[in-house]
Amino acid sequence: MTNALIVGAGPGLSASLARLLTARGAKVALAARDTGKLNGLCQETGAITYSCDATDEASVEALFAQLATEDRSPDLLIYNASAYTRGPIAQLDAGKVRDVLAVSAYGAFLAARAAARVMLKKGSGTMLFTGASAGVKGYAQSAPFAMGKFALRGLCQSLARELAPQNIHVAHFVIDGSIYQPERGTPFDNPDKTLHPDAIAQSYLAIADQDRSAWSWEVELRPYNESF
């Protein structure tokens, strides 16, 4: 893979992915609403940032147009954007719920559509999407997150069936557990009960490297001691 695009980039998993991809010689583009938080990562990896609101069609289209002019149209798209709100159904704020659905599902659709147009012309490509266990089972007082992640999983399943015969690999990752982020404190600072972002990134790239004779469309990742 020559060009990689991470949409919804930030610290944690996106940073691990950027480091790993750069080490493998890829040109990495990082798209986020707030690109200032990525300055250190760019200095470390040589990645380039692009301001983009994944939930805005014009913003996503502008991002892909700019990448094309810079010869950075993605061979690999990683959609890592997510949003979260929770609470009793009778008390949920409708605007916040709408925002969660827009980031988790609608933004993924916009990014996938733009990437598909590029990859179909190239005749190949890979799209990887970060999901959650909430996309497989809904938890009490977590309806917005479940709605968004269920929609994301459905999108990925449909894309995989449509695009695999056209040599475009689509994979959805069920991240079952908290990602190790010690700066956030408990429970994210326990390395024995969280998923390490470097390990997740290695799994993403292993799937991206699969031979097309044996593609996975979905992978579940969880700590060894996580119940499921």
Protein backbone atom coordinates (compact mmCIF):
# COMPACT_ATOMS: atom_id res chain seq x y z
CA MET A 1 0.00 0.00 0.00
CA THR A 2 1.34 3.41 -0.96
CA ASN A 3 -1.22 5.88 0.36
CA ALA A 4 -3.16 5.52 3.61
CA LEU A 5 -5.92 7.76 4.94
CA ILE A 6 -7.12 7.67 8.55
CA VAL A 7 -10.42 9.51 9.05
CA GLY A 8 -11.21 10.52 12.61
CA ALA A 9 -7.55 10.56 13.57
CA GLY A 10 -6.46 11.22 17.14
CA PRO A 11 -4.29 9.77 19.88
CA GLY A 12 -4.45 6.09 20.71
CA LEU A 13 -5.30 3.69 17.91
CA SER A 14 -4.93 6.23 15.09
CA ALA A 15 -1.47 7.17 16.34
CA SER A 16 -0.42 3.53 16.51
CA LEU A 17 -1.72 2.96 13.00
CA ALA A 18 0.11 6.02 11.69
CA ARG A 19 3.40 4.88 13.22
CA LEU A 20 3.06 1.35 11.89
CA LEU A 21 2.05 2.44 8.40
CA THR A 22 4.86 4.97 8.21
CA ALA A 23 7.36 2.32 9.28
CA ARG A 24 6.13 0.23 6.37
CA GLY A 25 6.77 3.06 3.91
CA ALA A 26 3.22 4.33 3.41
CA LYS A 27 2.36 7.99 2.93
CA VAL A 28 -0.10 8.67 5.73
CA ALA A 29 -2.85 11.30 5.67
CA LEU A 30 -4.65 12.12 8.93
CA ALA A 31 -8.11 13.69 8.69
CA ALA A 32 -9.81 15.25 11.71
CA ARG A 33 -11.90 18.20 12.73
CA ASP A 34 -9.17 19.37 15.10
CA THR A 35 -5.81 18.87 13.43
CA GLY A 36 -3.87 20.74 16.11
CA LYS A 37 -3.92 17.70 18.38
CA LEU A 38 -1.98 15.80 15.71
CA ASN A 39 1.05 18.10 15.46
CA GLY A 40 3.30 15.90 17.58
CA LEU A 41 2.31 12.76 15.72
CA CYS A 42 3.05 14.42 12.38
CA GLN A 43 6.48 15.51 13.55
CA GLU A 44 7.15 11.95 14.67
CA THR A 45 5.86 10.14 11.58
CA GLY A 46 5.91 12.62 8.73
CA ALA A 47 2.16 12.21 8.25
CA ILE A 48 0.19 15.14 6.83
CA THR A 49 -3.01 16.45 8.40
CA TYR A 50 -6.19 17.53 6.66
CA SER A 51 -9.10 19.32 8.28
CA CYS A 52 -12.29 17.39 7.63
CA ASP A 53 -15.72 16.99 9.21
CA ALA A 54 -16.60 13.39 8.39
CA THR A 55 -20.31 14.10 8.81
CA ASP A 56 -20.32 16.84 6.16
CA GLU A 57 -20.57 15.71 2.54
CA ALA A 58 -18.85 18.77 1.11
CA SER A 59 -15.99 18.44 3.59
CA VAL A 60 -15.39 14.78 2.74
CA GLU A 61 -15.56 15.43 -0.99
CA ALA A 62 -13.11 18.33 -0.62
CA LEU A 63 -10.71 16.09 1.32
CA PHE A 64 -10.64 13.45 -1.40
CA ALA A 65 -10.29 16.09 -4.11
CA GLN A 66 -7.28 17.56 -2.33
CA LEU A 67 -5.72 14.14 -1.84
CA ALA A 68 -6.10 13.47 -5.56
CA THR A 69 -4.29 16.69 -6.50
CA GLU A 70 -1.43 15.70 -4.19
CA ASP A 71 -1.18 12.14 -5.53
CA ARG A 72 -2.35 10.81 -2.17
CA SER A 73 -5.64 9.16 -3.12
CA PRO A 74 -5.91 6.29 -0.64
CA ASP A 75 -5.11 2.68 -1.34
CA LEU A 76 -6.08 2.10 2.28
CA LEU A 77 -8.93 3.87 4.11
CA ILE A 78 -9.25 3.48 7.86
CA TYR A 79 -12.40 4.96 9.38
CA ASN A 80 -11.73 5.49 13.07
CA ALA A 81 -14.22 8.24 13.90
CA SER A 82 -16.68 7.67 16.72
CA ALA A 83 -18.97 9.56 19.08
CA TYR A 84 -20.69 8.60 22.30
CA THR A 85 -23.55 9.61 24.54
CA ARG A 86 -25.51 7.49 26.98
CA GLY A 87 -28.36 7.63 29.47
CA PRO A 88 -31.92 6.42 30.09
CA ILE A 89 -33.95 6.50 26.89
CA ALA A 90 -36.49 8.92 28.35
CA GLN A 91 -33.75 11.44 29.14
CA LEU A 92 -31.54 11.30 26.04
CA ASP A 93 -30.89 14.54 24.19
CA ALA A 94 -32.06 14.12 20.60
CA GLY A 95 -29.39 16.41 19.19
CA LYS A 96 -26.58 14.46 20.84
CA VAL A 97 -28.07 11.20 19.61
CA ARG A 98 -28.21 12.58 16.07
CA ASP A 99 -24.55 13.57 16.32
CA VAL A 100 -23.55 10.07 17.43
CA LEU A 101 -25.35 8.51 14.48
CA ALA A 102 -23.84 11.03 12.08
CA VAL A 103 -20.26 10.28 13.16
CA SER A 104 -20.55 6.52 13.60
CA ALA A 105 -22.60 5.68 10.52
CA TYR A 106 -23.28 8.55 8.11
CA GLY A 107 -19.67 9.73 8.15
CA ALA A 108 -18.51 6.19 7.46
CA PHE A 109 -20.83 6.06 4.46
CA LEU A 110 -19.48 9.35 3.10
CA ALA A 111 -15.87 8.23 3.48
CA ALA A 112 -16.60 4.79 2.00
CA ARG A 113 -18.40 6.28 -0.99
CA ALA A 114 -15.54 8.63 -1.78
CA ALA A 115 -12.95 5.89 -1.31
CA ALA A 116 -14.92 3.44 -3.46
CA ARG A 117 -14.89 5.86 -6.37
CA VAL A 118 -11.11 6.04 -6.14
CA MET A 119 -10.54 2.33 -5.60
CA LEU A 120 -12.90 1.18 -8.33
CA LYS A 121 -10.89 3.23 -10.82
CA LYS A 122 -7.64 1.74 -9.50
CA GLY A 123 -9.06 -1.76 -9.52
CA SER A 124 -8.04 -2.44 -5.93
CA GLY A 125 -8.07 -1.08 -2.39
CA THR A 126 -8.77 -1.77 1.26
CA MET A 127 -11.24 -0.20 3.70
CA LEU A 128 -11.06 -0.90 7.43
CA PHE A 129 -13.70 0.32 9.90
CA THR A 130 -13.50 0.52 13.69
CA GLY A 131 -16.60 -0.91 15.30
CA ALA A 132 -17.44 -2.06 18.82
CA SER A 133 -19.20 -4.82 20.69
CA ALA A 134 -22.15 -2.40 20.81
CA GLY A 135 -22.57 -3.14 17.10
CA VAL A 136 -23.27 -6.78 17.94
CA LYS A 137 -25.29 -6.41 21.16
CA GLY A 138 -27.02 -3.37 22.63
CA TYR A 139 -26.37 -2.47 26.25
CA ALA A 140 -28.78 -0.80 28.66
CA GLN A 141 -28.69 3.01 28.54
CA SER A 142 -26.40 2.88 25.51
CA ALA A 143 -28.95 3.01 22.69
CA PRO A 144 -27.25 5.80 20.69
CA PHE A 145 -23.88 4.03 20.55
CA ALA A 146 -25.56 0.73 19.66
CA MET A 147 -27.61 2.36 16.92
CA GLY A 148 -24.55 3.95 15.36
CA LYS A 149 -22.36 0.85 15.57
CA PHE A 150 -25.09 -1.50 14.35
CA ALA A 151 -25.52 0.77 11.32
CA LEU A 152 -21.76 0.81 10.76
CA ARG A 153 -21.62 -2.98 10.86
CA GLY A 154 -24.46 -3.23 8.35
CA LEU A 155 -22.70 -0.79 6.06
CA CYS A 156 -19.49 -2.81 6.19
CA GLN A 157 -21.25 -6.10 5.51
CA SER A 158 -22.99 -4.64 2.49
CA LEU A 159 -19.78 -3.04 1.21
CA ALA A 160 -17.85 -6.29 1.60
CA ARG A 161 -20.40 -8.21 -0.45
CA GLU A 162 -20.56 -5.54 -3.14
CA LEU A 163 -16.90 -4.64 -3.44
CA ALA A 164 -14.97 -7.85 -2.76
CA PRO A 165 -15.71 -9.20 -6.27
CA GLN A 166 -14.17 -5.97 -7.57
CA ASN A 167 -10.91 -6.53 -5.67
CA ILE A 168 -11.68 -4.11 -2.82
CA HIS A 169 -11.25 -5.60 0.64
CA VAL A 170 -13.64 -4.30 3.31
CA ALA A 171 -13.24 -5.35 6.94
CA HIS A 172 -15.06 -4.40 10.15
CA PHE A 173 -13.38 -4.66 13.55
CA VAL A 174 -15.37 -5.36 16.69
CA ILE A 175 -13.33 -3.76 19.46
CA ASP A 176 -14.66 -5.48 22.58
CA GLY A 177 -13.21 -3.65 25.56
CA SER A 178 -11.48 -0.42 26.49
CA ILE A 179 -8.35 0.73 24.67
CA TYR A 180 -5.28 1.35 26.85
CA GLN A 181 -5.00 5.09 27.48
CA PRO A 182 -3.21 5.61 30.82
CA GLU A 183 -3.63 9.37 30.68
CA ARG A 184 -7.40 8.86 31.13
CA GLY A 185 -7.00 7.01 34.44
CA THR A 186 -9.18 4.11 35.61
CA PRO A 187 -10.22 1.81 33.90
CA PHE A 188 -8.16 2.77 30.86
CA ASP A 189 -4.82 2.61 32.67
CA ASN A 190 -4.85 -1.13 33.40
CA PRO A 191 -2.68 -2.85 30.74
CA ASP A 192 -3.95 -6.28 31.77
CA LYS A 193 -7.62 -5.49 31.12
CA THR A 194 -7.44 -3.23 28.06
CA LEU A 195 -6.54 -3.58 24.40
CA HIS A 196 -3.17 -2.03 23.58
CA PRO A 197 -3.46 0.27 20.55
CA ASP A 198 -0.19 -1.01 19.08
CA ALA A 199 -1.54 -4.56 19.17
CA ILE A 200 -4.82 -3.49 17.57
CA ALA A 201 -2.89 -1.69 14.83
CA GLN A 202 -0.89 -4.84 14.11
CA SER A 203 -4.14 -6.78 13.70
CA TYR A 204 -5.50 -4.13 11.31
CA LEU A 205 -2.43 -4.36 9.11
CA ALA A 206 -2.49 -8.17 9.22
CA ILE A 207 -6.01 -8.07 7.79
CA ALA A 208 -4.98 -5.49 5.19
CA ASP A 209 -2.20 -7.86 4.12
CA GLN A 210 -4.50 -10.85 3.60
CA ASP A 211 -4.33 -12.56 0.25
CA ARG A 212 -7.59 -12.10 -1.62
CA SER A 213 -8.07 -15.87 -1.70
CA ALA A 214 -8.74 -15.72 2.06
CA TRP A 215 -10.24 -12.37 3.03
CA SER A 216 -11.91 -11.66 6.38
CA TRP A 217 -14.82 -9.24 6.47
CA GLU A 218 -15.05 -9.07 10.27
CA VAL A 219 -12.64 -9.56 13.16
CA GLU A 220 -13.32 -9.42 16.91
CA LEU A 221 -10.56 -8.19 19.20
CA ARG A 222 -10.68 -8.27 22.99
CA PRO A 223 -8.33 -8.70 25.97
CA TYR A 224 -7.68 -12.32 26.91
CA ASN A 225 -9.69 -11.91 30.13
CA GLU A 226 -12.69 -10.06 28.66
CA SER A 227 -15.99 -11.93 28.99
CA PHE A 228 -18.19 -12.22 25.92
